[in-house]
Amino acid sequence: MLKKNSFLIALNKPKGVICSHNDEKNRLSIYNLLPKNILKDLKGNIHSVGRLDFNSQGLLLLTNDTKIKHYLEKPSSKIIRIYKVKIQGQITKKSLDQIKKGIYINNILYKVVNIILLKKTRTYSWVKVVLNQGKNQHIRKVFKKLGFSVNKLIRLQYGPYKLSTLDVGQIKWLNITKIKII
């Protein structure tokens, strides 16, 4: 059972912003981007669903309900996350196939649901990566293992929620009934 006043907010997180309440380096936080009245009304009781690292951008979900947070984050829920990723260099079919099979990094298997080449030039490649669980730095670690560096990483979708036309740094309230928490 969800809390009576449960909510879910979408934030288009900009690059260069952290996903924590406190930072020893005093960097800009996602919570600095929220309207002050929201934070005041909630008395700081708001949590990010998963994270996007400092250099990543795109859809980030925020909630005041830890049941929603845990459901959307736990691997057994198999919630789909979709990313658009720009990597330095030309990715090959062999590398794409390796990623699809899964890659071991420090004895941990990093898998994707799917990876699709979107565009390739002489200097970079754009791919769409679909995950159903997110390990810390999952996408960046996989590409690094294959000798590629990630120049841009944008989360486009988290479960039924899409980034669509939400401007960078902006928020929108989401329909919480789109998720079916067991």
C-alpha atoms as a PDB file:
ATOM      1  CA  MET A   1       0.000   0.000   0.000  1.00  0.00           C
ATOM      2  CA  LEU A   2       1.381   3.381  -1.021  1.00  0.00           C
ATOM      3  CA  LYS A   3       1.321   6.402   1.237  1.00  0.00           C
ATOM      4  CA  LYS A   4      -1.739   8.621   0.795  1.00  0.00           C
ATOM      5  CA  ASN A   5       0.303  11.560  -0.505  1.00  0.00           C
ATOM      6  CA  SER A   6       2.824   9.562  -2.556  1.00  0.00           C
ATOM      7  CA  PHE A   7       4.184  11.286  -5.620  1.00  0.00           C
ATOM      8  CA  LEU A   8       6.657  10.825  -8.423  1.00  0.00           C
ATOM      9  CA  ILE A   9       8.462  13.663 -10.184  1.00  0.00           C
ATOM     10  CA  ALA A  10      10.498  13.547 -13.393  1.00  0.00           C
ATOM     11  CA  LEU A  11      13.592  15.741 -13.552  1.00  0.00           C
ATOM     12  CA  ASN A  12      15.682  16.266 -16.665  1.00  0.00           C
ATOM     13  CA  LYS A  13      19.020  16.188 -14.852  1.00  0.00           C
ATOM     14  CA  PRO A  14      21.721  18.319 -16.447  1.00  0.00           C
ATOM     15  CA  LYS A  15      25.312  17.152 -16.767  1.00  0.00           C
ATOM     16  CA  GLY A  16      27.463  18.481 -13.920  1.00  0.00           C
ATOM     17  CA  VAL A  17      24.907  18.031 -11.151  1.00  0.00           C
ATOM     18  CA  ILE A  18      25.114  15.418  -8.378  1.00  0.00           C
ATOM     19  CA  CYS A  19      22.311  13.164  -7.097  1.00  0.00           C
ATOM     20  CA  SER A  20      22.887  13.473  -3.361  1.00  0.00           C
ATOM     21  CA  HIS A  21      21.697  15.779  -0.599  1.00  0.00           C
ATOM     22  CA  ASN A  22      25.200  16.595   0.639  1.00  0.00           C
ATOM     23  CA  ASP A  23      28.501  16.988  -1.174  1.00  0.00           C
ATOM     24  CA  GLU A  24      31.912  17.644   0.348  1.00  0.00           C
ATOM     25  CA  LYS A  25      32.902  19.554  -2.810  1.00  0.00           C
ATOM     26  CA  ASN A  26      29.839  21.831  -2.573  1.00  0.00           C
ATOM     27  CA  ARG A  27      28.717  21.021  -6.133  1.00  0.00           C
ATOM     28  CA  LEU A  28      25.232  21.732  -7.441  1.00  0.00           C
ATOM     29  CA  SER A  29      22.740  19.030  -6.420  1.00  0.00           C
ATOM     30  CA  ILE A  30      19.517  17.878  -8.056  1.00  0.00           C
ATOM     31  CA  TYR A  31      17.753  19.163  -4.944  1.00  0.00           C
ATOM     32  CA  ASN A  32      18.961  22.694  -5.765  1.00  0.00           C
ATOM     33  CA  LEU A  33      16.957  22.429  -9.005  1.00  0.00           C
ATOM     34  CA  LEU A  34      13.638  21.733  -7.280  1.00  0.00           C
ATOM     35  CA  PRO A  35      11.284  24.617  -6.496  1.00  0.00           C
ATOM     36  CA  LYS A  36      11.876  25.757  -2.895  1.00  0.00           C
ATOM     37  CA  ASN A  37       8.193  25.316  -1.971  1.00  0.00           C
ATOM     38  CA  ILE A  38       8.368  21.588  -2.824  1.00  0.00           C
ATOM     39  CA  LEU A  39      11.391  21.044  -0.591  1.00  0.00           C
ATOM     40  CA  LYS A  40       9.878  23.115   2.211  1.00  0.00           C
ATOM     41  CA  ASP A  41       6.534  21.280   2.091  1.00  0.00           C
ATOM     42  CA  LEU A  42       8.295  17.895   2.167  1.00  0.00           C
ATOM     43  CA  LYS A  43      10.808  18.882   4.832  1.00  0.00           C
ATOM     44  CA  GLY A  44      13.539  17.260   2.713  1.00  0.00           C
ATOM     45  CA  ASN A  45      11.697  13.912   2.477  1.00  0.00           C
ATOM     46  CA  ILE A  46      12.435  13.308  -1.192  1.00  0.00           C
ATOM     47  CA  HIS A  47      14.585  10.577  -2.714  1.00  0.00           C
ATOM     48  CA  SER A  48      16.038   9.942  -6.152  1.00  0.00           C
ATOM     49  CA  VAL A  49      15.111   6.641  -7.780  1.00  0.00           C
ATOM     50  CA  GLY A  50      18.509   5.323  -8.763  1.00  0.00           C
ATOM     51  CA  ARG A  51      21.143   7.817  -9.726  1.00  0.00           C
ATOM     52  CA  LEU A  52      22.804   9.404 -12.689  1.00  0.00           C
ATOM     53  CA  ASP A  53      26.478  10.183 -12.213  1.00  0.00           C
ATOM     54  CA  PHE A  54      27.909  13.708 -12.337  1.00  0.00           C
ATOM     55  CA  ASN A  55      28.645  13.499 -16.095  1.00  0.00           C
ATOM     56  CA  SER A  56      25.366  11.851 -17.103  1.00  0.00           C
ATOM     57  CA  GLN A  57      22.108  13.573 -17.905  1.00  0.00           C
ATOM     58  CA  GLY A  58      18.479  12.856 -18.609  1.00  0.00           C
ATOM     59  CA  LEU A  59      15.487  11.382 -16.846  1.00  0.00           C
ATOM     60  CA  LEU A  60      15.731  11.079 -13.084  1.00  0.00           C
ATOM     61  CA  LEU A  61      12.732  10.110 -10.971  1.00  0.00           C
ATOM     62  CA  LEU A  62      12.142  11.559  -7.498  1.00  0.00           C
ATOM     63  CA  THR A  63       9.670  10.357  -4.886  1.00  0.00           C
ATOM     64  CA  ASN A  64       8.679  10.777  -1.249  1.00  0.00           C
ATOM     65  CA  ASP A  65       7.705   7.095  -0.941  1.00  0.00           C
ATOM     66  CA  THR A  66      10.462   4.596  -0.174  1.00  0.00           C
ATOM     67  CA  LYS A  67       8.239   1.690  -1.370  1.00  0.00           C
ATOM     68  CA  ILE A  68       8.125   3.265  -4.842  1.00  0.00           C
ATOM     69  CA  LYS A  69      11.868   3.905  -4.744  1.00  0.00           C
ATOM     70  CA  HIS A  70      12.729   0.326  -3.746  1.00  0.00           C
ATOM     71  CA  TYR A  71      10.326  -1.240  -6.248  1.00  0.00           C
ATOM     72  CA  LEU A  72      11.716   0.788  -9.154  1.00  0.00           C
ATOM     73  CA  GLU A  73      15.341   0.120  -8.149  1.00  0.00           C
ATOM     74  CA  LYS A  74      15.401  -3.553  -7.180  1.00  0.00           C
ATOM     75  CA  PRO A  75      16.769  -5.869  -9.885  1.00  0.00           C
ATOM     76  CA  SER A  76      13.921  -8.397  -9.478  1.00  0.00           C
ATOM     77  CA  SER A  77      11.426  -5.758 -10.702  1.00  0.00           C
ATOM     78  CA  LYS A  78      13.161  -5.846 -14.134  1.00  0.00           C
ATOM     79  CA  ILE A  79      12.267  -2.189 -14.799  1.00  0.00           C
ATOM     80  CA  ILE A  80      13.456  -1.132 -18.263  1.00  0.00           C
ATOM     81  CA  ARG A  81      15.824   1.832 -18.538  1.00  0.00           C
ATOM     82  CA  ILE A  82      16.774   3.235 -21.944  1.00  0.00           C
ATOM     83  CA  TYR A  83      19.876   5.328 -22.636  1.00  0.00           C
ATOM     84  CA  LYS A  84      21.316   7.129 -25.634  1.00  0.00           C
ATOM     85  CA  VAL A  85      25.114   6.953 -25.479  1.00  0.00           C
ATOM     86  CA  LYS A  86      27.810   8.702 -27.520  1.00  0.00           C
ATOM     87  CA  ILE A  87      31.143   6.909 -27.470  1.00  0.00           C
ATOM     88  CA  GLN A  88      34.490   7.982 -28.861  1.00  0.00           C
ATOM     89  CA  GLY A  89      35.449   5.849 -31.856  1.00  0.00           C
ATOM     90  CA  GLN A  90      33.714   3.476 -34.225  1.00  0.00           C
ATOM     91  CA  ILE A  91      32.008   0.591 -32.513  1.00  0.00           C
ATOM     92  CA  THR A  92      32.108  -2.715 -34.384  1.00  0.00           C
ATOM     93  CA  LYS A  93      29.532  -5.462 -34.734  1.00  0.00           C
ATOM     94  CA  LYS A  94      31.910  -7.675 -32.733  1.00  0.00           C
ATOM     95  CA  SER A  95      31.866  -5.206 -29.801  1.00  0.00           C
ATOM     96  CA  LEU A  96      28.074  -4.895 -29.972  1.00  0.00           C
ATOM     97  CA  ASP A  97      27.766  -8.690 -29.913  1.00  0.00           C
ATOM     98  CA  GLN A  98      30.140  -8.906 -26.905  1.00  0.00           C
ATOM     99  CA  ILE A  99      28.009  -6.378 -25.021  1.00  0.00           C
ATOM    100  CA  LYS A 100      24.821  -8.300 -25.880  1.00  0.00           C
ATOM    101  CA  LYS A 101      26.333 -11.540 -24.506  1.00  0.00           C
ATOM    102  CA  GLY A 102      27.457  -9.832 -21.302  1.00  0.00           C
ATOM    103  CA  ILE A 103      30.865  -8.789 -20.059  1.00  0.00           C
ATOM    104  CA  TYR A 104      32.607  -9.790 -16.841  1.00  0.00           C
ATOM    105  CA  ILE A 105      34.313  -6.960 -14.989  1.00  0.00           C
ATOM    106  CA  ASN A 106      35.982  -7.892 -11.679  1.00  0.00           C
ATOM    107  CA  ASN A 107      34.029 -11.187 -11.670  1.00  0.00           C
ATOM    108  CA  ILE A 108      30.684  -9.375 -12.001  1.00  0.00           C
ATOM    109  CA  LEU A 109      28.540  -9.935 -15.093  1.00  0.00           C
ATOM    110  CA  TYR A 110      27.351  -6.735 -16.774  1.00  0.00           C
ATOM    111  CA  LYS A 111      24.458  -7.464 -19.112  1.00  0.00           C
ATOM    112  CA  VAL A 112      22.189  -5.390 -21.316  1.00  0.00           C
ATOM    113  CA  VAL A 113      18.729  -6.251 -22.587  1.00  0.00           C
ATOM    114  CA  ASN A 114      19.663  -4.782 -25.966  1.00  0.00           C
ATOM    115  CA  ILE A 115      22.088  -2.441 -27.688  1.00  0.00           C
ATOM    116  CA  ILE A 116      21.423  -0.827 -31.054  1.00  0.00           C
ATOM    117  CA  LEU A 117      23.760   1.224 -33.234  1.00  0.00           C
ATOM    118  CA  LEU A 118      22.031   4.523 -34.041  1.00  0.00           C
ATOM    119  CA  LYS A 119      24.759   6.421 -35.897  1.00  0.00           C
ATOM    120  CA  LYS A 120      28.448   6.052 -36.678  1.00  0.00           C
ATOM    121  CA  THR A 121      30.942   8.612 -37.988  1.00  0.00           C
ATOM    122  CA  ARG A 122      34.720   8.481 -38.369  1.00  0.00           C
ATOM    123  CA  THR A 123      35.199   9.754 -34.800  1.00  0.00           C
ATOM    124  CA  TYR A 124      32.238   8.591 -32.705  1.00  0.00           C
ATOM    125  CA  SER A 125      29.263   6.229 -32.441  1.00  0.00           C
ATOM    126  CA  TRP A 126      25.781   6.737 -30.967  1.00  0.00           C
ATOM    127  CA  VAL A 127      24.095   3.662 -29.494  1.00  0.00           C
ATOM    128  CA  LYS A 128      20.846   2.979 -27.678  1.00  0.00           C
ATOM    129  CA  VAL A 129      21.332   0.809 -24.586  1.00  0.00           C
ATOM    130  CA  VAL A 130      18.444  -0.965 -22.852  1.00  0.00           C
ATOM    131  CA  LEU A 131      18.965  -2.224 -19.292  1.00  0.00           C
ATOM    132  CA  ASN A 132      16.625  -3.908 -16.820  1.00  0.00           C
ATOM    133  CA  GLN A 133      18.891  -3.312 -13.846  1.00  0.00           C
ATOM    134  CA  GLY A 134      21.489  -0.702 -13.150  1.00  0.00           C
ATOM    135  CA  LYS A 135      24.816  -1.342 -11.525  1.00  0.00           C
ATOM    136  CA  ASN A 136      26.992   1.622 -10.543  1.00  0.00           C
ATOM    137  CA  GLN A 137      28.565   3.082 -13.715  1.00  0.00           C
ATOM    138  CA  HIS A 138      27.176   0.060 -15.648  1.00  0.00           C
ATOM    139  CA  ILE A 139      27.332   1.530 -19.164  1.00  0.00           C
ATOM    140  CA  ARG A 140      30.591   3.430 -18.668  1.00  0.00           C
ATOM    141  CA  LYS A 141      32.352   0.322 -17.280  1.00  0.00           C
ATOM    142  CA  VAL A 142      31.228  -1.871 -20.188  1.00  0.00           C
ATOM    143  CA  PHE A 143      32.491   0.538 -22.822  1.00  0.00           C
ATOM    144  CA  LYS A 144      35.741   1.175 -20.931  1.00  0.00           C
ATOM    145  CA  LYS A 145      36.369  -2.598 -20.783  1.00  0.00           C
ATOM    146  CA  LEU A 146      36.130  -2.636 -24.605  1.00  0.00           C
ATOM    147  CA  GLY A 147      38.459   0.374 -24.986  1.00  0.00           C
ATOM    148  CA  PHE A 148      35.851   3.091 -25.584  1.00  0.00           C
ATOM    149  CA  SER A 149      35.197   6.249 -23.605  1.00  0.00           C
ATOM    150  CA  VAL A 150      31.678   7.577 -23.121  1.00  0.00           C
ATOM    151  CA  ASN A 151      31.365  11.220 -24.211  1.00  0.00           C
ATOM    152  CA  LYS A 152      27.657  11.596 -23.495  1.00  0.00           C
ATOM    153  CA  LEU A 153      25.128   9.466 -21.611  1.00  0.00           C
ATOM    154  CA  ILE A 154      21.451  10.436 -21.579  1.00  0.00           C
ATOM    155  CA  ARG A 155      18.715   8.430 -19.826  1.00  0.00           C
ATOM    156  CA  LEU A 156      15.629   8.603 -22.062  1.00  0.00           C
ATOM    157  CA  GLN A 157      13.271   6.300 -20.186  1.00  0.00           C
ATOM    158  CA  TYR A 158      12.774   4.672 -16.789  1.00  0.00           C
ATOM    159  CA  GLY A 159       9.970   2.108 -16.767  1.00  0.00           C
ATOM    160  CA  PRO A 160       6.833   3.664 -18.287  1.00  0.00           C
ATOM    161  CA  TYR A 161       8.169   7.213 -17.852  1.00  0.00           C
ATOM    162  CA  LYS A 162       9.906   9.004 -20.745  1.00  0.00           C
ATOM    163  CA  LEU A 163      12.048  12.116 -20.907  1.00  0.00           C
ATOM    164  CA  SER A 164      10.238  13.260 -24.088  1.00  0.00           C
ATOM    165  CA  THR A 165      10.166  17.071 -24.329  1.00  0.00           C
ATOM    166  CA  LEU A 166      11.073  17.951 -20.744  1.00  0.00           C
ATOM    167  CA  ASP A 167      13.653  20.768 -20.847  1.00  0.00           C
ATOM    168  CA  VAL A 168      17.016  20.385 -19.087  1.00  0.00           C
ATOM    169  CA  GLY A 169      16.714  21.259 -15.390  1.00  0.00           C
ATOM    170  CA  GLN A 170      12.900  21.186 -15.476  1.00  0.00           C
ATOM    171  CA  ILE A 171      10.505  18.929 -13.546  1.00  0.00           C
ATOM    172  CA  LYS A 172       7.042  17.504 -14.144  1.00  0.00           C
ATOM    173  CA  TRP A 173       4.636  15.601 -11.922  1.00  0.00           C
ATOM    174  CA  LEU A 174       4.001  12.025 -13.058  1.00  0.00           C
ATOM    175  CA  ASN A 175       0.998   9.733 -12.916  1.00  0.00           C
ATOM    176  CA  ILE A 176       1.915   7.264 -10.201  1.00  0.00           C
ATOM    177  CA  THR A 177      -0.709   4.729 -11.323  1.00  0.00           C
ATOM    178  CA  LYS A 178       1.467   3.792 -14.323  1.00  0.00           C
ATOM    179  CA  ILE A 179       3.476   1.518 -12.028  1.00  0.00           C
ATOM    180  CA  LYS A 180       2.015  -1.586 -10.423  1.00  0.00           C
ATOM    181  CA  ILE A 181       3.820  -2.210  -7.171  1.00  0.00           C
ATOM    182  CA  ILE A 182       3.337  -5.775  -5.949  1.00  0.00           C
END
